[in-house]
Amino acid sequence: MNKYIKTSLYYMIFGLIGGVFYREFTKFNGVDGGTSLAYIHVHTLMLGMAFFLILGLLESKLHMSTFKGFKVFNITYNLGLIITIGVFLIRGITETLGTEISRALDKSLSGVGGMGHILIAAGLITIFIILNKSSKIFDKKEELA
């Protein structure tokens, strides 16, 4: 359970830094409207910090990390979230600075961001499969008690 709390803490720190960076960077550059930087804060706090806090609580009852496929979930989900946040960062900085990017780079960023979201979705599907299996075992143990 401790690793979930640590992971949650890292995402919290990055999410708070992302929120401050968004606010100060856009203010410093005179940008009033929203940019993709705004998404870093909420995605990191909810899909990172809050998600892993909840997972830590579930782990204490269901012991999900012992199930086959949990490592796949962990790598897939975290990689997807990091990729997604990275694309938000790159897009947000270019939007704030008013940097003109080529159409090919724009499409490439969209593709990479989409792959990040797909990895997050694959991780979520995997964790729900694991949750389903672990809750059935937990239910059977309670019936026997």
N, C-alpha and C. Protein backbone atom coordinates (compact mmCIF):
# COMPACT_ATOMS: atom_id res chain seq x y z
N MET A 1 0.83 -1.19 0.00
CA MET A 1 0.00 0.00 0.00
C MET A 1 0.87 1.25 0.00
N ASN A 2 2.02 1.17 0.59
CA ASN A 2 2.90 2.32 0.68
C ASN A 2 3.29 2.87 -0.69
N LYS A 3 3.48 1.97 -1.68
CA LYS A 3 3.87 2.45 -3.00
C LYS A 3 2.74 3.26 -3.66
N TYR A 4 1.49 2.94 -3.34
CA TYR A 4 0.38 3.72 -3.89
C TYR A 4 0.36 5.13 -3.29
N ILE A 5 0.64 5.21 -2.00
CA ILE A 5 0.68 6.52 -1.34
C ILE A 5 1.83 7.34 -1.90
N LYS A 6 2.98 6.71 -2.12
CA LYS A 6 4.12 7.43 -2.70
C LYS A 6 3.82 7.88 -4.12
N THR A 7 3.24 6.99 -4.91
CA THR A 7 2.87 7.36 -6.29
C THR A 7 1.88 8.52 -6.27
N SER A 8 0.91 8.44 -5.38
CA SER A 8 -0.08 9.51 -5.24
C SER A 8 0.60 10.82 -4.85
N LEU A 9 1.55 10.75 -3.94
CA LEU A 9 2.28 11.95 -3.51
C LEU A 9 3.05 12.57 -4.67
N TYR A 10 3.71 11.74 -5.48
CA TYR A 10 4.45 12.27 -6.63
C TYR A 10 3.52 12.97 -7.62
N TYR A 11 2.38 12.34 -7.88
CA TYR A 11 1.41 12.98 -8.78
C TYR A 11 0.85 14.26 -8.18
N MET A 12 0.64 14.29 -6.86
CA MET A 12 0.15 15.51 -6.21
C MET A 12 1.16 16.64 -6.38
N ILE A 13 2.42 16.35 -6.12
CA ILE A 13 3.46 17.37 -6.25
C ILE A 13 3.52 17.88 -7.68
N PHE A 14 3.54 16.96 -8.65
CA PHE A 14 3.59 17.38 -10.05
C PHE A 14 2.34 18.14 -10.46
N GLY A 15 1.19 17.71 -9.97
CA GLY A 15 -0.07 18.39 -10.29
C GLY A 15 -0.11 19.81 -9.74
N LEU A 16 0.36 19.99 -8.52
CA LEU A 16 0.40 21.33 -7.94
C LEU A 16 1.40 22.22 -8.66
N ILE A 17 2.56 21.66 -8.97
CA ILE A 17 3.56 22.41 -9.75
C ILE A 17 2.99 22.76 -11.12
N GLY A 18 2.28 21.82 -11.74
CA GLY A 18 1.66 22.08 -13.05
C GLY A 18 0.64 23.20 -12.98
N GLY A 19 -0.14 23.25 -11.91
CA GLY A 19 -1.13 24.32 -11.75
C GLY A 19 -0.47 25.68 -11.58
N VAL A 20 0.57 25.73 -10.76
CA VAL A 20 1.29 27.00 -10.56
C VAL A 20 1.98 27.41 -11.85
N PHE A 21 2.60 26.44 -12.55
CA PHE A 21 3.27 26.75 -13.81
C PHE A 21 2.28 27.32 -14.82
N TYR A 22 1.12 26.69 -14.94
CA TYR A 22 0.09 27.18 -15.86
C TYR A 22 -0.27 28.63 -15.55
N ARG A 23 -0.58 28.88 -14.29
CA ARG A 23 -1.02 30.22 -13.89
C ARG A 23 0.07 31.26 -14.12
N GLU A 24 1.29 30.97 -13.68
CA GLU A 24 2.37 31.96 -13.76
C GLU A 24 2.91 32.11 -15.18
N PHE A 25 3.04 31.01 -15.91
CA PHE A 25 3.58 31.06 -17.26
C PHE A 25 2.64 31.82 -18.20
N THR A 26 1.35 31.55 -18.09
CA THR A 26 0.40 32.28 -18.95
C THR A 26 0.31 33.75 -18.54
N LYS A 27 0.35 34.02 -17.25
CA LYS A 27 0.30 35.40 -16.77
C LYS A 27 1.54 36.17 -17.23
N PHE A 28 2.71 35.55 -17.10
CA PHE A 28 3.97 36.17 -17.50
C PHE A 28 3.98 36.49 -19.00
N ASN A 29 3.34 35.64 -19.80
CA ASN A 29 3.31 35.83 -21.25
C ASN A 29 2.07 36.58 -21.72
N GLY A 30 1.26 37.08 -20.79
CA GLY A 30 0.11 37.90 -21.15
C GLY A 30 -1.01 37.15 -21.82
N VAL A 31 -1.17 35.88 -21.54
CA VAL A 31 -2.23 35.08 -22.13
C VAL A 31 -3.37 34.98 -21.12
N ASP A 32 -4.55 35.46 -21.51
CA ASP A 32 -5.70 35.43 -20.61
C ASP A 32 -6.54 34.17 -20.76
N GLY A 33 -6.66 33.67 -21.96
CA GLY A 33 -7.51 32.50 -22.21
C GLY A 33 -6.84 31.22 -21.76
N GLY A 34 -7.61 30.15 -21.75
CA GLY A 34 -7.08 28.86 -21.36
C GLY A 34 -6.20 28.25 -22.43
N THR A 35 -5.23 27.49 -21.99
CA THR A 35 -4.37 26.73 -22.90
C THR A 35 -4.39 25.28 -22.45
N SER A 36 -3.71 24.44 -23.18
CA SER A 36 -3.63 23.03 -22.80
C SER A 36 -2.90 22.83 -21.48
N LEU A 37 -2.16 23.85 -21.04
CA LEU A 37 -1.50 23.75 -19.74
C LEU A 37 -2.50 23.59 -18.60
N ALA A 38 -3.69 24.11 -18.77
CA ALA A 38 -4.71 24.02 -17.72
C ALA A 38 -5.09 22.57 -17.43
N TYR A 39 -4.97 21.70 -18.41
CA TYR A 39 -5.36 20.31 -18.24
C TYR A 39 -4.36 19.51 -17.40
N ILE A 40 -3.13 19.98 -17.32
CA ILE A 40 -2.11 19.25 -16.57
C ILE A 40 -2.52 19.13 -15.10
N HIS A 41 -2.95 20.23 -14.53
CA HIS A 41 -3.30 20.28 -13.12
C HIS A 41 -4.40 19.27 -12.78
N VAL A 42 -5.49 19.33 -13.47
CA VAL A 42 -6.63 18.47 -13.13
C VAL A 42 -6.38 17.01 -13.50
N HIS A 43 -5.75 16.75 -14.64
CA HIS A 43 -5.47 15.37 -15.03
C HIS A 43 -4.51 14.72 -14.03
N THR A 44 -3.49 15.45 -13.63
CA THR A 44 -2.51 14.89 -12.72
C THR A 44 -3.11 14.65 -11.33
N LEU A 45 -3.90 15.59 -10.86
CA LEU A 45 -4.48 15.42 -9.53
C LEU A 45 -5.55 14.34 -9.49
N MET A 46 -6.39 14.26 -10.50
CA MET A 46 -7.47 13.28 -10.47
C MET A 46 -7.02 11.90 -10.96
N LEU A 47 -6.39 11.83 -12.13
CA LEU A 47 -5.98 10.54 -12.67
C LEU A 47 -4.70 10.01 -12.03
N GLY A 48 -3.97 10.87 -11.36
CA GLY A 48 -2.76 10.46 -10.67
C GLY A 48 -2.98 10.36 -9.18
N MET A 49 -3.06 11.51 -8.51
CA MET A 49 -3.14 11.52 -7.06
C MET A 49 -4.38 10.81 -6.52
N ALA A 50 -5.56 11.25 -6.90
CA ALA A 50 -6.80 10.68 -6.36
C ALA A 50 -6.94 9.20 -6.72
N PHE A 51 -6.62 8.86 -7.95
CA PHE A 51 -6.75 7.47 -8.40
C PHE A 51 -5.88 6.55 -7.56
N PHE A 52 -4.62 6.92 -7.33
CA PHE A 52 -3.73 6.04 -6.58
C PHE A 52 -4.03 6.04 -5.08
N LEU A 53 -4.61 7.11 -4.56
CA LEU A 53 -5.08 7.07 -3.17
C LEU A 53 -6.20 6.05 -3.02
N ILE A 54 -7.13 6.08 -3.93
CA ILE A 54 -8.24 5.11 -3.91
C ILE A 54 -7.72 3.69 -4.10
N LEU A 55 -6.78 3.53 -5.01
CA LEU A 55 -6.21 2.21 -5.26
C LEU A 55 -5.50 1.69 -4.01
N GLY A 56 -4.84 2.56 -3.28
CA GLY A 56 -4.19 2.16 -2.04
C GLY A 56 -5.19 1.65 -1.02
N LEU A 57 -6.32 2.31 -0.92
CA LEU A 57 -7.36 1.86 0.00
C LEU A 57 -7.92 0.51 -0.43
N LEU A 58 -8.14 0.34 -1.71
CA LEU A 58 -8.66 -0.93 -2.21
C LEU A 58 -7.64 -2.06 -2.03
N GLU A 59 -6.38 -1.74 -2.18
CA GLU A 59 -5.33 -2.75 -2.05
C GLU A 59 -5.33 -3.35 -0.65
N SER A 60 -5.59 -2.55 0.35
CA SER A 60 -5.56 -3.05 1.73
C SER A 60 -6.63 -4.13 1.97
N LYS A 61 -7.72 -4.09 1.24
CA LYS A 61 -8.78 -5.09 1.39
C LYS A 61 -8.70 -6.21 0.35
N LEU A 62 -8.37 -5.85 -0.90
CA LEU A 62 -8.49 -6.81 -2.00
C LEU A 62 -7.17 -7.42 -2.48
N HIS A 63 -6.05 -6.85 -2.07
CA HIS A 63 -4.72 -7.37 -2.46
C HIS A 63 -4.59 -7.56 -3.97
N MET A 64 -4.93 -6.53 -4.70
CA MET A 64 -4.95 -6.60 -6.16
C MET A 64 -3.56 -6.80 -6.77
N SER A 65 -2.54 -6.30 -6.09
CA SER A 65 -1.19 -6.36 -6.65
C SER A 65 -0.67 -7.79 -6.79
N THR A 66 -1.34 -8.75 -6.16
CA THR A 66 -0.92 -10.15 -6.27
C THR A 66 -1.46 -10.82 -7.54
N PHE A 67 -2.35 -10.15 -8.24
CA PHE A 67 -2.99 -10.75 -9.42
C PHE A 67 -2.13 -10.60 -10.67
N LYS A 68 -2.22 -11.63 -11.50
CA LYS A 68 -1.55 -11.59 -12.79
C LYS A 68 -2.11 -10.42 -13.58
N GLY A 69 -1.26 -9.66 -14.19
CA GLY A 69 -1.70 -8.52 -14.97
C GLY A 69 -1.58 -7.19 -14.24
N PHE A 70 -1.29 -7.24 -12.94
CA PHE A 70 -1.20 -5.98 -12.20
C PHE A 70 -0.01 -5.15 -12.65
N LYS A 71 1.11 -5.80 -12.92
CA LYS A 71 2.29 -5.06 -13.40
C LYS A 71 1.99 -4.42 -14.76
N VAL A 72 1.25 -5.14 -15.58
CA VAL A 72 0.85 -4.58 -16.88
C VAL A 72 0.01 -3.34 -16.67
N PHE A 73 -0.95 -3.41 -15.75
CA PHE A 73 -1.75 -2.23 -15.43
C PHE A 73 -0.87 -1.08 -15.00
N ASN A 74 0.01 -1.33 -14.05
CA ASN A 74 0.83 -0.29 -13.47
C ASN A 74 1.68 0.43 -14.51
N ILE A 75 2.32 -0.34 -15.36
CA ILE A 75 3.17 0.25 -16.41
C ILE A 75 2.31 0.98 -17.43
N THR A 76 1.27 0.32 -17.91
CA THR A 76 0.41 0.90 -18.94
C THR A 76 -0.23 2.20 -18.48
N TYR A 77 -0.83 2.19 -17.29
CA TYR A 77 -1.54 3.36 -16.79
C TYR A 77 -0.60 4.53 -16.55
N ASN A 78 0.50 4.28 -15.85
CA ASN A 78 1.44 5.36 -15.56
C ASN A 78 2.08 5.92 -16.82
N LEU A 79 2.47 5.04 -17.73
CA LEU A 79 3.05 5.49 -19.00
C LEU A 79 2.05 6.34 -19.79
N GLY A 80 0.81 5.88 -19.85
CA GLY A 80 -0.22 6.64 -20.55
C GLY A 80 -0.45 8.01 -19.94
N LEU A 81 -0.48 8.08 -18.62
CA LEU A 81 -0.70 9.36 -17.95
C LEU A 81 0.49 10.30 -18.16
N ILE A 82 1.68 9.78 -18.09
CA ILE A 82 2.88 10.61 -18.30
C ILE A 82 2.92 11.13 -19.74
N ILE A 83 2.62 10.29 -20.71
CA ILE A 83 2.58 10.71 -22.11
C ILE A 83 1.53 11.79 -22.31
N THR A 84 0.34 11.58 -21.77
CA THR A 84 -0.75 12.54 -21.92
C THR A 84 -0.36 13.89 -21.32
N ILE A 85 0.18 13.87 -20.13
CA ILE A 85 0.59 15.11 -19.47
C ILE A 85 1.71 15.79 -20.25
N GLY A 86 2.64 15.00 -20.78
CA GLY A 86 3.73 15.55 -21.58
C GLY A 86 3.22 16.28 -22.82
N VAL A 87 2.23 15.69 -23.48
CA VAL A 87 1.66 16.34 -24.67
C VAL A 87 0.93 17.62 -24.28
N PHE A 88 0.19 17.59 -23.17
CA PHE A 88 -0.45 18.83 -22.69
C PHE A 88 0.60 19.90 -22.42
N LEU A 89 1.74 19.52 -21.87
CA LEU A 89 2.80 20.47 -21.57
C LEU A 89 3.37 21.08 -22.85
N ILE A 90 3.68 20.24 -23.81
CA ILE A 90 4.24 20.73 -25.08
C ILE A 90 3.23 21.62 -25.80
N ARG A 91 2.00 21.16 -25.92
CA ARG A 91 0.96 21.96 -26.59
C ARG A 91 0.72 23.28 -25.86
N GLY A 92 0.64 23.21 -24.53
CA GLY A 92 0.37 24.41 -23.74
C GLY A 92 1.46 25.45 -23.86
N ILE A 93 2.70 25.02 -23.85
CA ILE A 93 3.81 25.97 -23.99
C ILE A 93 3.80 26.61 -25.36
N THR A 94 3.58 25.81 -26.41
CA THR A 94 3.54 26.40 -27.76
C THR A 94 2.34 27.34 -27.93
N GLU A 95 1.20 26.99 -27.33
CA GLU A 95 0.03 27.87 -27.39
C GLU A 95 0.29 29.18 -26.65
N THR A 96 0.89 29.09 -25.48
CA THR A 96 1.14 30.28 -24.68
C THR A 96 2.15 31.20 -25.36
N LEU A 97 3.17 30.61 -25.95
CA LEU A 97 4.19 31.42 -26.61
C LEU A 97 3.76 31.87 -28.01
N GLY A 98 2.66 31.33 -28.50
CA GLY A 98 2.19 31.67 -29.83
C GLY A 98 3.06 31.09 -30.93
N THR A 99 3.76 30.01 -30.62
CA THR A 99 4.65 29.37 -31.57
C THR A 99 3.85 28.66 -32.65
N GLU A 100 4.19 28.93 -33.88
CA GLU A 100 3.54 28.28 -35.01
C GLU A 100 4.19 26.92 -35.22
N ILE A 101 3.41 25.86 -35.16
CA ILE A 101 3.96 24.53 -35.41
C ILE A 101 3.42 24.01 -36.73
N SER A 102 4.20 23.16 -37.35
CA SER A 102 3.79 22.62 -38.65
C SER A 102 2.58 21.71 -38.48
N ARG A 103 1.90 21.52 -39.56
CA ARG A 103 0.74 20.65 -39.54
C ARG A 103 1.14 19.21 -39.16
N ALA A 104 2.30 18.78 -39.66
CA ALA A 104 2.78 17.43 -39.35
C ALA A 104 3.05 17.28 -37.85
N LEU A 105 3.68 18.28 -37.24
CA LEU A 105 3.96 18.23 -35.82
C LEU A 105 2.66 18.27 -35.02
N ASP A 106 1.72 19.08 -35.48
CA ASP A 106 0.42 19.16 -34.81
C ASP A 106 -0.27 17.80 -34.83
N LYS A 107 -0.27 17.16 -35.97
CA LYS A 107 -0.90 15.83 -36.08
C LYS A 107 -0.14 14.79 -35.27
N SER A 108 1.19 14.90 -35.25
CA SER A 108 1.99 13.97 -34.47
C SER A 108 1.69 14.10 -32.98
N LEU A 109 1.59 15.33 -32.50
CA LEU A 109 1.25 15.55 -31.09
C LEU A 109 -0.13 14.99 -30.77
N SER A 110 -1.06 15.19 -31.69
CA SER A 110 -2.40 14.63 -31.48
C SER A 110 -2.36 13.11 -31.41
N GLY A 111 -1.57 12.51 -32.27
CA GLY A 111 -1.43 11.05 -32.28
C GLY A 111 -0.80 10.53 -31.00
N VAL A 112 0.26 11.18 -30.55
CA VAL A 112 0.93 10.76 -29.33
C VAL A 112 0.00 10.95 -28.13
N GLY A 113 -0.69 12.09 -28.08
CA GLY A 113 -1.66 12.32 -27.00
C GLY A 113 -2.77 11.29 -27.02
N GLY A 114 -3.23 10.93 -28.19
CA GLY A 114 -4.26 9.90 -28.31
C GLY A 114 -3.76 8.55 -27.82
N MET A 115 -2.50 8.24 -28.12
CA MET A 115 -1.92 6.99 -27.64
C MET A 115 -1.81 6.99 -26.11
N GLY A 116 -1.50 8.15 -25.54
CA GLY A 116 -1.47 8.26 -24.08
C GLY A 116 -2.83 7.97 -23.49
N HIS A 117 -3.87 8.53 -24.10
CA HIS A 117 -5.23 8.29 -23.62
C HIS A 117 -5.63 6.82 -23.81
N ILE A 118 -5.21 6.21 -24.88
CA ILE A 118 -5.50 4.78 -25.11
C ILE A 118 -4.82 3.93 -24.04
N LEU A 119 -3.58 4.26 -23.69
CA LEU A 119 -2.88 3.52 -22.64
C LEU A 119 -3.58 3.67 -21.29
N ILE A 120 -4.06 4.88 -21.01
CA ILE A 120 -4.82 5.10 -19.77
C ILE A 120 -6.07 4.23 -19.78
N ALA A 121 -6.78 4.22 -20.90
CA ALA A 121 -8.00 3.41 -21.01
C ALA A 121 -7.68 1.93 -20.85
N ALA A 122 -6.59 1.46 -21.45
CA ALA A 122 -6.20 0.06 -21.31
C ALA A 122 -5.87 -0.26 -19.86
N GLY A 123 -5.20 0.67 -19.18
CA GLY A 123 -4.90 0.48 -17.76
C GLY A 123 -6.15 0.42 -16.93
N LEU A 124 -7.12 1.29 -17.23
CA LEU A 124 -8.38 1.28 -16.48
C LEU A 124 -9.16 -0.01 -16.70
N ILE A 125 -9.18 -0.48 -17.93
CA ILE A 125 -9.86 -1.75 -18.21
C ILE A 125 -9.18 -2.88 -17.45
N THR A 126 -7.86 -2.89 -17.46
CA THR A 126 -7.11 -3.93 -16.76
C THR A 126 -7.38 -3.90 -15.27
N ILE A 127 -7.39 -2.72 -14.67
CA ILE A 127 -7.61 -2.65 -13.22
C ILE A 127 -9.03 -3.07 -12.86
N PHE A 128 -10.00 -2.78 -13.72
CA PHE A 128 -11.36 -3.22 -13.43
C PHE A 128 -11.50 -4.74 -13.54
N ILE A 129 -10.78 -5.34 -14.46
CA ILE A 129 -10.78 -6.80 -14.55
C ILE A 129 -10.16 -7.39 -13.27
N ILE A 130 -9.05 -6.81 -12.84
CA ILE A 130 -8.40 -7.27 -11.60
C ILE A 130 -9.30 -7.03 -10.39
N LEU A 131 -9.94 -5.88 -10.33
CA LEU A 131 -10.87 -5.60 -9.22
C LEU A 131 -12.01 -6.61 -9.18
N ASN A 132 -12.52 -6.94 -10.34
CA ASN A 132 -13.61 -7.92 -10.40
C ASN A 132 -13.14 -9.27 -9.86
N LYS A 133 -11.97 -9.73 -10.29
CA LYS A 133 -11.45 -11.02 -9.82
C LYS A 133 -11.17 -10.98 -8.32
N SER A 134 -10.53 -9.92 -7.86
CA SER A 134 -10.15 -9.86 -6.45
C SER A 134 -11.37 -9.70 -5.55
N SER A 135 -12.40 -9.00 -6.00
CA SER A 135 -13.59 -8.85 -5.16
C SER A 135 -14.35 -10.18 -5.06
N LYS A 136 -14.33 -10.99 -6.09
CA LYS A 136 -14.98 -12.30 -6.02
C LYS A 136 -14.27 -13.19 -5.00
N ILE A 137 -12.96 -13.14 -4.99
CA ILE A 137 -12.21 -13.93 -4.01
C ILE A 137 -12.47 -13.40 -2.61
N PHE A 138 -12.51 -12.09 -2.46
CA PHE A 138 -12.80 -11.47 -1.16
C PHE A 138 -14.18 -11.88 -0.66
N ASP A 139 -15.16 -11.88 -1.56
CA ASP A 139 -16.52 -12.30 -1.19
C ASP A 139 -16.56 -13.74 -0.71
N LYS A 140 -15.82 -14.61 -1.41
CA LYS A 140 -15.80 -16.03 -1.03
C LYS A 140 -15.15 -16.21 0.34
N LYS A 141 -14.10 -15.44 0.62
CA LYS A 141 -13.43 -15.52 1.93
C LYS A 141 -14.39 -15.06 3.03
N GLU A 142 -15.17 -14.04 2.77
CA GLU A 142 -16.13 -13.55 3.79
C GLU A 142 -17.25 -14.56 4.02
N GLU A 143 -17.65 -15.28 2.95
CA GLU A 143 -18.70 -16.29 3.11
C GLU A 143 -18.21 -17.44 4.00
N LEU A 144 -16.93 -17.77 3.87
CA LEU A 144 -16.36 -18.86 4.66
C LEU A 144 -16.16 -18.48 6.11
N ALA A 145 -16.01 -17.20 6.38
CA ALA A 145 -15.73 -16.75 7.77
C ALA A 145 -16.93 -16.80 8.67
